[in-house]
N, C-alpha and C. Protein backbone atom coordinates (compact mmCIF):
# COMPACT_ATOMS: atom_id res chain seq x y z
N MET A 1 26.12 19.02 111.37
CA MET A 1 27.37 18.34 111.61
C MET A 1 27.07 17.04 112.32
N ARG A 2 27.94 16.08 112.17
CA ARG A 2 27.77 14.79 112.80
C ARG A 2 28.42 14.79 114.18
N ILE A 3 28.19 13.74 114.92
CA ILE A 3 28.64 13.67 116.31
C ILE A 3 30.16 13.78 116.43
N GLY A 4 30.90 13.23 115.49
CA GLY A 4 32.36 13.31 115.55
C GLY A 4 32.87 14.73 115.47
N GLU A 5 32.26 15.53 114.58
CA GLU A 5 32.68 16.93 114.45
C GLU A 5 32.30 17.72 115.70
N LEU A 6 31.11 17.48 116.24
CA LEU A 6 30.72 18.16 117.47
C LEU A 6 31.67 17.79 118.61
N SER A 7 32.04 16.54 118.66
CA SER A 7 32.99 16.08 119.67
C SER A 7 34.32 16.81 119.54
N GLU A 8 34.84 16.91 118.34
CA GLU A 8 36.11 17.60 118.12
C GLU A 8 36.02 19.09 118.45
N ARG A 9 34.94 19.74 118.04
CA ARG A 9 34.82 21.18 118.23
C ARG A 9 34.61 21.57 119.69
N THR A 10 34.07 20.67 120.48
CA THR A 10 33.80 21.00 121.88
C THR A 10 34.75 20.30 122.85
N GLY A 11 35.55 19.37 122.35
CA GLY A 11 36.43 18.62 123.23
C GLY A 11 35.67 17.67 124.14
N THR A 12 34.49 17.26 123.70
CA THR A 12 33.63 16.39 124.49
C THR A 12 33.56 15.02 123.83
N PRO A 13 33.85 13.97 124.58
CA PRO A 13 33.79 12.63 123.97
C PRO A 13 32.39 12.31 123.42
N ARG A 14 32.36 11.53 122.37
CA ARG A 14 31.08 11.14 121.74
C ARG A 14 30.15 10.47 122.74
N ARG A 15 30.73 9.64 123.57
CA ARG A 15 29.92 8.94 124.57
C ARG A 15 29.21 9.95 125.49
N MET A 16 29.92 11.01 125.85
CA MET A 16 29.32 12.03 126.71
C MET A 16 28.20 12.78 125.97
N LEU A 17 28.39 13.03 124.69
CA LEU A 17 27.34 13.68 123.90
C LEU A 17 26.09 12.81 123.85
N ARG A 18 26.28 11.50 123.72
CA ARG A 18 25.12 10.60 123.73
C ARG A 18 24.43 10.61 125.10
N TYR A 19 25.24 10.72 126.16
CA TYR A 19 24.68 10.81 127.51
C TYR A 19 23.85 12.08 127.65
N TYR A 20 24.36 13.21 127.15
CA TYR A 20 23.60 14.45 127.20
C TYR A 20 22.26 14.27 126.49
N GLU A 21 22.28 13.56 125.38
CA GLU A 21 21.03 13.30 124.66
C GLU A 21 20.09 12.44 125.50
N GLU A 22 20.61 11.38 126.12
CA GLU A 22 19.78 10.51 126.97
C GLU A 22 19.14 11.29 128.11
N GLN A 23 19.86 12.27 128.64
CA GLN A 23 19.37 13.07 129.76
C GLN A 23 18.43 14.19 129.32
N GLY A 24 18.26 14.35 128.01
CA GLY A 24 17.39 15.41 127.49
C GLY A 24 18.05 16.78 127.48
N LEU A 25 19.38 16.82 127.60
CA LEU A 25 20.10 18.09 127.61
C LEU A 25 20.45 18.56 126.20
N LEU A 26 20.53 17.65 125.28
CA LEU A 26 20.92 17.94 123.90
C LEU A 26 19.99 17.15 122.99
N VAL A 27 19.41 17.84 122.01
CA VAL A 27 18.45 17.18 121.12
C VAL A 27 18.91 17.34 119.68
N PRO A 28 19.58 16.29 119.14
CA PRO A 28 20.02 16.38 117.76
C PRO A 28 18.88 16.03 116.81
N GLY A 29 19.02 16.47 115.58
CA GLY A 29 18.10 16.02 114.55
C GLY A 29 18.58 14.66 114.06
N ARG A 30 17.83 14.06 113.18
CA ARG A 30 18.22 12.78 112.61
C ARG A 30 18.13 12.87 111.09
N SER A 31 19.14 12.35 110.44
CA SER A 31 19.13 12.31 108.97
C SER A 31 18.30 11.11 108.52
N ALA A 32 18.08 10.99 107.21
CA ALA A 32 17.27 9.90 106.67
C ALA A 32 17.84 8.53 107.05
N ASN A 33 19.15 8.43 107.17
CA ASN A 33 19.76 7.15 107.52
C ASN A 33 19.86 6.93 109.03
N GLY A 34 19.32 7.86 109.84
CA GLY A 34 19.28 7.71 111.29
C GLY A 34 20.46 8.31 112.03
N TYR A 35 21.43 8.87 111.30
CA TYR A 35 22.57 9.49 111.95
C TYR A 35 22.14 10.77 112.67
N ARG A 36 22.80 11.02 113.79
CA ARG A 36 22.54 12.27 114.51
C ARG A 36 23.08 13.43 113.69
N GLU A 37 22.33 14.51 113.66
CA GLU A 37 22.75 15.74 112.97
C GLU A 37 22.61 16.90 113.95
N TYR A 38 23.71 17.60 114.16
CA TYR A 38 23.73 18.71 115.11
C TYR A 38 23.89 20.02 114.35
N ASP A 39 23.11 21.03 114.73
CA ASP A 39 23.30 22.33 114.09
C ASP A 39 24.35 23.13 114.86
N GLU A 40 24.70 24.28 114.34
CA GLU A 40 25.78 25.10 114.89
C GLU A 40 25.52 25.51 116.34
N ARG A 41 24.27 25.70 116.71
CA ARG A 41 23.94 26.11 118.08
C ARG A 41 24.32 25.06 119.11
N CYS A 42 24.45 23.81 118.68
CA CYS A 42 24.78 22.74 119.61
C CYS A 42 26.19 22.89 120.18
N VAL A 43 27.08 23.55 119.45
CA VAL A 43 28.44 23.77 119.97
C VAL A 43 28.35 24.58 121.26
N ASP A 44 27.65 25.70 121.22
CA ASP A 44 27.51 26.52 122.43
C ASP A 44 26.73 25.78 123.51
N ARG A 45 25.72 25.04 123.12
CA ARG A 45 24.91 24.31 124.10
C ARG A 45 25.76 23.29 124.84
N VAL A 46 26.60 22.56 124.13
CA VAL A 46 27.46 21.58 124.78
C VAL A 46 28.43 22.28 125.73
N LEU A 47 28.98 23.41 125.32
CA LEU A 47 29.89 24.15 126.20
C LEU A 47 29.16 24.66 127.44
N GLN A 48 27.90 25.06 127.28
CA GLN A 48 27.10 25.48 128.43
C GLN A 48 26.89 24.30 129.38
N ILE A 49 26.53 23.16 128.82
CA ILE A 49 26.29 21.97 129.64
C ILE A 49 27.55 21.60 130.40
N ARG A 50 28.67 21.58 129.71
CA ARG A 50 29.94 21.22 130.36
C ARG A 50 30.28 22.21 131.47
N GLY A 51 30.08 23.49 131.21
CA GLY A 51 30.36 24.49 132.23
C GLY A 51 29.50 24.31 133.46
N LEU A 52 28.23 24.03 133.25
CA LEU A 52 27.32 23.82 134.38
C LEU A 52 27.66 22.54 135.14
N LEU A 53 27.98 21.47 134.41
CA LEU A 53 28.40 20.24 135.07
C LEU A 53 29.69 20.45 135.85
N ASP A 54 30.65 21.15 135.25
CA ASP A 54 31.92 21.42 135.92
C ASP A 54 31.74 22.25 137.18
N SER A 55 30.70 23.06 137.20
CA SER A 55 30.47 23.89 138.38
C SER A 55 29.74 23.12 139.48
N GLY A 56 29.37 21.87 139.19
CA GLY A 56 28.79 21.03 140.23
C GLY A 56 27.29 20.83 140.17
N LEU A 57 26.64 21.40 139.18
CA LEU A 57 25.19 21.22 139.10
C LEU A 57 24.85 19.84 138.56
N PRO A 58 23.86 19.18 139.14
CA PRO A 58 23.43 17.88 138.61
C PRO A 58 22.62 18.05 137.32
N THR A 59 22.58 17.00 136.52
CA THR A 59 21.90 17.09 135.22
C THR A 59 20.41 17.42 135.37
N ARG A 60 19.78 16.99 136.45
CA ARG A 60 18.35 17.29 136.60
C ARG A 60 18.11 18.80 136.75
N VAL A 61 19.04 19.50 137.40
CA VAL A 61 18.92 20.95 137.54
C VAL A 61 19.32 21.63 136.23
N ILE A 62 20.36 21.12 135.59
CA ILE A 62 20.78 21.69 134.31
C ILE A 62 19.65 21.61 133.30
N LYS A 63 18.93 20.50 133.31
CA LYS A 63 17.80 20.33 132.37
C LYS A 63 16.75 21.42 132.60
N GLN A 64 16.55 21.82 133.83
CA GLN A 64 15.60 22.90 134.14
C GLN A 64 16.13 24.26 133.70
N VAL A 65 17.42 24.47 133.86
CA VAL A 65 18.02 25.78 133.63
C VAL A 65 18.32 26.04 132.16
N LEU A 66 18.68 24.99 131.40
CA LEU A 66 19.10 25.16 130.01
C LEU A 66 18.13 25.97 129.14
N PRO A 67 16.84 25.71 129.20
CA PRO A 67 15.95 26.50 128.35
C PRO A 67 16.01 28.00 128.63
N CYS A 68 16.41 28.36 129.83
CA CYS A 68 16.48 29.76 130.22
C CYS A 68 17.74 30.45 129.71
N LEU A 69 18.73 29.71 129.30
CA LEU A 69 19.99 30.31 128.88
C LEU A 69 19.89 30.99 127.52
N ASN A 70 18.86 30.69 126.76
CA ASN A 70 18.67 31.38 125.48
C ASN A 70 18.25 32.82 125.69
N GLN A 71 17.51 33.07 126.75
CA GLN A 71 17.04 34.42 127.09
C GLN A 71 17.27 34.63 128.58
N PRO A 72 18.53 34.87 129.00
CA PRO A 72 18.84 34.89 130.42
C PRO A 72 18.17 35.99 131.23
N ARG A 73 17.61 36.98 130.61
CA ARG A 73 16.96 38.04 131.39
C ARG A 73 15.48 37.75 131.65
N ALA A 74 14.94 36.72 131.02
CA ALA A 74 13.53 36.39 131.20
C ALA A 74 13.42 34.94 131.67
N ILE A 75 13.94 34.63 132.83
CA ILE A 75 14.00 33.25 133.30
C ILE A 75 12.82 32.94 134.21
N HIS A 76 12.13 31.88 133.86
CA HIS A 76 11.05 31.36 134.69
C HIS A 76 11.19 29.85 134.68
N VAL A 77 11.60 29.29 135.80
CA VAL A 77 11.83 27.85 135.88
C VAL A 77 10.61 27.21 136.48
N ALA A 78 9.93 26.40 135.68
CA ALA A 78 8.76 25.69 136.17
C ALA A 78 9.19 24.57 137.10
N GLY A 79 8.49 24.42 138.18
CA GLY A 79 8.75 23.32 139.10
C GLY A 79 10.01 23.46 139.92
N ALA A 80 10.51 24.65 140.09
CA ALA A 80 11.71 24.84 140.92
C ALA A 80 11.33 24.60 142.37
N THR A 81 11.95 23.60 142.96
CA THR A 81 11.66 23.26 144.35
C THR A 81 12.55 24.09 145.27
N PRO A 82 12.19 24.18 146.54
CA PRO A 82 13.08 24.88 147.49
C PRO A 82 14.48 24.27 147.50
N GLU A 83 14.56 22.94 147.31
CA GLU A 83 15.87 22.29 147.27
C GLU A 83 16.67 22.76 146.06
N THR A 84 16.01 22.92 144.91
CA THR A 84 16.68 23.39 143.70
C THR A 84 17.19 24.80 143.89
N ILE A 85 16.36 25.64 144.48
CA ILE A 85 16.75 27.03 144.73
C ILE A 85 17.95 27.06 145.68
N ALA A 86 17.90 26.26 146.74
CA ALA A 86 19.02 26.22 147.70
C ALA A 86 20.29 25.72 147.02
N LEU A 87 20.17 24.71 146.17
CA LEU A 87 21.33 24.20 145.45
C LEU A 87 21.94 25.28 144.56
N LEU A 88 21.12 26.01 143.85
CA LEU A 88 21.61 27.07 142.97
C LEU A 88 22.25 28.20 143.78
N GLU A 89 21.68 28.52 144.92
CA GLU A 89 22.28 29.56 145.76
C GLU A 89 23.63 29.12 146.29
N ARG A 90 23.74 27.86 146.70
CA ARG A 90 25.04 27.35 147.17
C ARG A 90 26.06 27.37 146.03
N GLU A 91 25.62 26.97 144.85
CA GLU A 91 26.53 26.97 143.71
C GLU A 91 26.96 28.38 143.35
N ARG A 92 26.06 29.32 143.39
CA ARG A 92 26.40 30.72 143.12
C ARG A 92 27.44 31.22 144.12
N ASP A 93 27.25 30.88 145.39
CA ASP A 93 28.19 31.30 146.42
C ASP A 93 29.56 30.64 146.22
N ARG A 94 29.56 29.38 145.83
CA ARG A 94 30.82 28.68 145.57
C ARG A 94 31.55 29.32 144.38
N MET A 95 30.79 29.69 143.34
CA MET A 95 31.39 30.36 142.18
C MET A 95 32.01 31.70 142.59
N THR A 96 31.31 32.42 143.45
CA THR A 96 31.82 33.71 143.92
C THR A 96 33.15 33.52 144.65
N GLN A 97 33.24 32.50 145.49
CA GLN A 97 34.49 32.22 146.20
C GLN A 97 35.61 31.87 145.23
N ARG A 98 35.29 31.08 144.21
CA ARG A 98 36.30 30.71 143.21
C ARG A 98 36.76 31.94 142.45
N ILE A 99 35.84 32.81 142.09
CA ILE A 99 36.20 34.04 141.37
C ILE A 99 37.12 34.89 142.23
N GLU A 100 36.78 35.06 143.51
CA GLU A 100 37.61 35.86 144.41
C GLU A 100 39.01 35.27 144.52
N CYS A 101 39.11 33.95 144.60
CA CYS A 101 40.42 33.29 144.68
C CYS A 101 41.21 33.53 143.39
N LEU A 102 40.55 33.41 142.26
CA LEU A 102 41.24 33.65 140.98
C LEU A 102 41.71 35.10 140.86
N VAL A 103 40.90 36.04 141.32
CA VAL A 103 41.30 37.45 141.26
C VAL A 103 42.53 37.67 142.13
N ARG A 104 42.55 37.09 143.34
CA ARG A 104 43.73 37.22 144.20
C ARG A 104 44.96 36.61 143.53
N SER A 105 44.80 35.45 142.93
CA SER A 105 45.92 34.79 142.25
C SER A 105 46.40 35.61 141.06
N ARG A 106 45.47 36.15 140.29
CA ARG A 106 45.84 36.99 139.15
C ARG A 106 46.60 38.21 139.62
N ASP A 107 46.12 38.84 140.68
CA ASP A 107 46.79 40.03 141.20
C ASP A 107 48.18 39.71 141.73
N ALA A 108 48.34 38.55 142.36
CA ALA A 108 49.66 38.14 142.86
C ALA A 108 50.62 37.92 141.69
N ILE A 109 50.14 37.27 140.65
CA ILE A 109 50.98 37.05 139.47
C ILE A 109 51.36 38.37 138.82
N SER A 110 50.39 39.26 138.70
CA SER A 110 50.68 40.58 138.12
C SER A 110 51.72 41.32 138.94
N GLY A 111 51.61 41.27 140.26
CA GLY A 111 52.58 41.92 141.14
C GLY A 111 53.97 41.33 140.97
N TYR A 112 54.03 40.01 140.85
CA TYR A 112 55.31 39.34 140.67
C TYR A 112 55.95 39.75 139.34
N VAL A 113 55.17 39.73 138.25
CA VAL A 113 55.68 40.10 136.93
C VAL A 113 56.18 41.54 136.95
N GLU A 114 55.42 42.43 137.57
CA GLU A 114 55.84 43.83 137.66
C GLU A 114 57.15 43.96 138.43
N ALA A 115 57.28 43.23 139.54
CA ALA A 115 58.50 43.30 140.34
C ALA A 115 59.70 42.78 139.56
N VAL A 116 59.51 41.69 138.83
CA VAL A 116 60.59 41.14 138.02
C VAL A 116 61.01 42.14 136.95
N ARG A 117 60.05 42.76 136.31
CA ARG A 117 60.37 43.73 135.26
C ARG A 117 61.10 44.95 135.82
N ARG A 118 60.64 45.45 136.97
CA ARG A 118 61.29 46.61 137.59
C ARG A 118 62.73 46.29 137.98
N ALA A 119 62.97 45.05 138.41
CA ALA A 119 64.29 44.65 138.86
C ALA A 119 65.18 44.20 137.70
N GLY A 120 64.61 44.17 136.49
CA GLY A 120 65.41 43.73 135.35
C GLY A 120 65.75 42.26 135.42
N GLY A 121 64.83 41.47 135.93
CA GLY A 121 65.06 40.04 136.11
C GLY A 121 64.97 39.25 134.83
N PRO A 122 64.86 37.93 134.94
CA PRO A 122 64.84 37.03 133.79
C PRO A 122 63.79 37.44 132.76
N GLY A 123 64.17 37.33 131.51
CA GLY A 123 63.23 37.65 130.44
C GLY A 123 63.11 39.13 130.15
N THR A 124 63.88 39.97 130.84
CA THR A 124 63.78 41.41 130.61
C THR A 124 64.99 41.95 129.87
N GLY A 125 65.88 41.04 129.45
CA GLY A 125 67.04 41.48 128.69
C GLY A 125 68.27 41.74 129.53
N GLU A 126 68.18 41.59 130.84
CA GLU A 126 69.34 41.83 131.72
C GLU A 126 70.25 40.61 131.71
N ALA A 127 71.46 40.82 132.05
CA ALA A 127 72.44 39.73 132.10
C ALA A 127 72.13 38.80 133.26
N ALA A 128 72.67 37.61 133.14
CA ALA A 128 72.49 36.63 134.22
C ALA A 128 73.11 37.16 135.49
N GLY A 129 72.66 36.65 136.60
CA GLY A 129 73.23 37.06 137.88
C GLY A 129 72.38 38.09 138.59
N THR A 130 71.24 38.48 138.02
CA THR A 130 70.34 39.41 138.69
C THR A 130 69.81 38.72 139.94
N PRO A 131 69.77 39.40 141.05
CA PRO A 131 69.28 38.77 142.28
C PRO A 131 67.85 38.24 142.09
N ALA A 132 67.59 37.08 142.66
CA ALA A 132 66.27 36.47 142.55
C ALA A 132 65.27 37.22 143.41
N LEU A 133 64.07 37.34 142.92
CA LEU A 133 62.97 37.92 143.68
C LEU A 133 62.15 36.79 144.26
N HIS A 134 61.58 37.01 145.39
CA HIS A 134 60.73 36.00 145.99
C HIS A 134 59.30 36.21 145.54
N ALA A 135 58.67 35.13 145.14
CA ALA A 135 57.28 35.21 144.68
C ALA A 135 56.37 35.49 145.86
N PRO A 136 55.29 36.23 145.61
CA PRO A 136 54.30 36.44 146.68
C PRO A 136 53.79 35.11 147.21
N ALA A 137 53.36 35.08 148.45
CA ALA A 137 52.90 33.85 149.10
C ALA A 137 51.80 33.16 148.29
N ALA A 138 50.95 33.94 147.65
CA ALA A 138 49.85 33.36 146.89
C ALA A 138 50.34 32.49 145.74
N LEU A 139 51.59 32.67 145.31
CA LEU A 139 52.11 31.88 144.20
C LEU A 139 52.76 30.57 144.66
N HIS A 140 53.01 30.41 145.94
CA HIS A 140 53.68 29.22 146.42
C HIS A 140 52.77 28.01 146.48
N ALA A 141 51.50 28.20 146.58
CA ALA A 141 50.56 27.08 146.66
C ALA A 141 49.51 27.24 145.57
N PRO A 142 49.00 26.13 145.04
CA PRO A 142 47.95 26.25 144.03
C PRO A 142 46.68 26.80 144.65
N PRO A 143 45.83 27.40 143.83
CA PRO A 143 44.56 27.90 144.36
C PRO A 143 43.78 26.77 145.03
N ALA A 144 42.99 27.12 146.02
CA ALA A 144 42.24 26.12 146.77
C ALA A 144 41.10 25.54 145.97
N VAL A 145 40.75 26.16 144.87
CA VAL A 145 39.62 25.68 144.07
C VAL A 145 40.08 25.52 142.62
N PRO A 146 39.39 24.65 141.86
CA PRO A 146 39.77 24.47 140.46
C PRO A 146 39.40 25.67 139.62
N GLU A 147 39.98 25.71 138.42
CA GLU A 147 39.67 26.79 137.48
C GLU A 147 38.18 26.76 137.16
N PRO A 148 37.52 27.92 137.13
CA PRO A 148 36.07 27.91 136.90
C PRO A 148 35.72 27.60 135.46
N ALA A 149 34.53 27.07 135.30
CA ALA A 149 33.97 26.85 133.97
C ALA A 149 33.47 28.17 133.41
N PRO A 150 33.14 28.20 132.13
CA PRO A 150 32.61 29.42 131.56
C PRO A 150 31.40 29.91 132.35
N ALA A 151 31.31 31.21 132.53
CA ALA A 151 30.23 31.79 133.33
C ALA A 151 28.99 31.99 132.47
N TYR A 152 27.85 31.74 133.07
CA TYR A 152 26.57 31.97 132.42
C TYR A 152 25.69 32.74 133.37
N ASP A 153 24.91 33.61 132.85
CA ASP A 153 24.03 34.45 133.64
C ASP A 153 22.81 33.63 134.04
N LEU A 154 22.74 33.19 135.30
CA LEU A 154 21.64 32.38 135.77
C LEU A 154 20.91 33.10 136.89
N ALA A 155 19.63 33.21 136.76
CA ALA A 155 18.79 33.72 137.83
C ALA A 155 17.54 32.88 137.82
N VAL A 156 16.97 32.61 138.97
CA VAL A 156 15.82 31.73 139.04
C VAL A 156 14.72 32.40 139.81
N SER A 157 13.51 32.32 139.30
CA SER A 157 12.35 32.81 140.05
C SER A 157 11.44 31.64 140.31
N ALA A 158 10.89 31.60 141.48
CA ALA A 158 10.01 30.48 141.85
C ALA A 158 8.64 30.64 141.26
């Protein structure tokens, strides 16, 4: 597939795909006329790159980790510095906090939906005038962290 199709399928601008190539994160083939040619695996690779970037990892660390994502149970990162390990540990901890926040928010929404249904509130087929229910406190404010990127199984050995 050409860069335009990869861009459409992943929701990633063409310019960003070229940047991934410059950084060595994505390696397209080239056709006889010099056009970039991407195989089907590049769709998942781009989504992995975006997820890792969205989670806060710099491209230099992503470049080290990407080869390991094909076989996540057999990861050996060459040249992993103590700083890289510390960065990955901090990122893992930040992801855990985001997951816990999302679980709390999901549970609050579930509780609210259940309460509305039990009370015969809006959307349950009851007539207008049903007393309003108050949403749990967790629903009054947005989560403290953004929605997480797709999760990938990352482990690093020095």
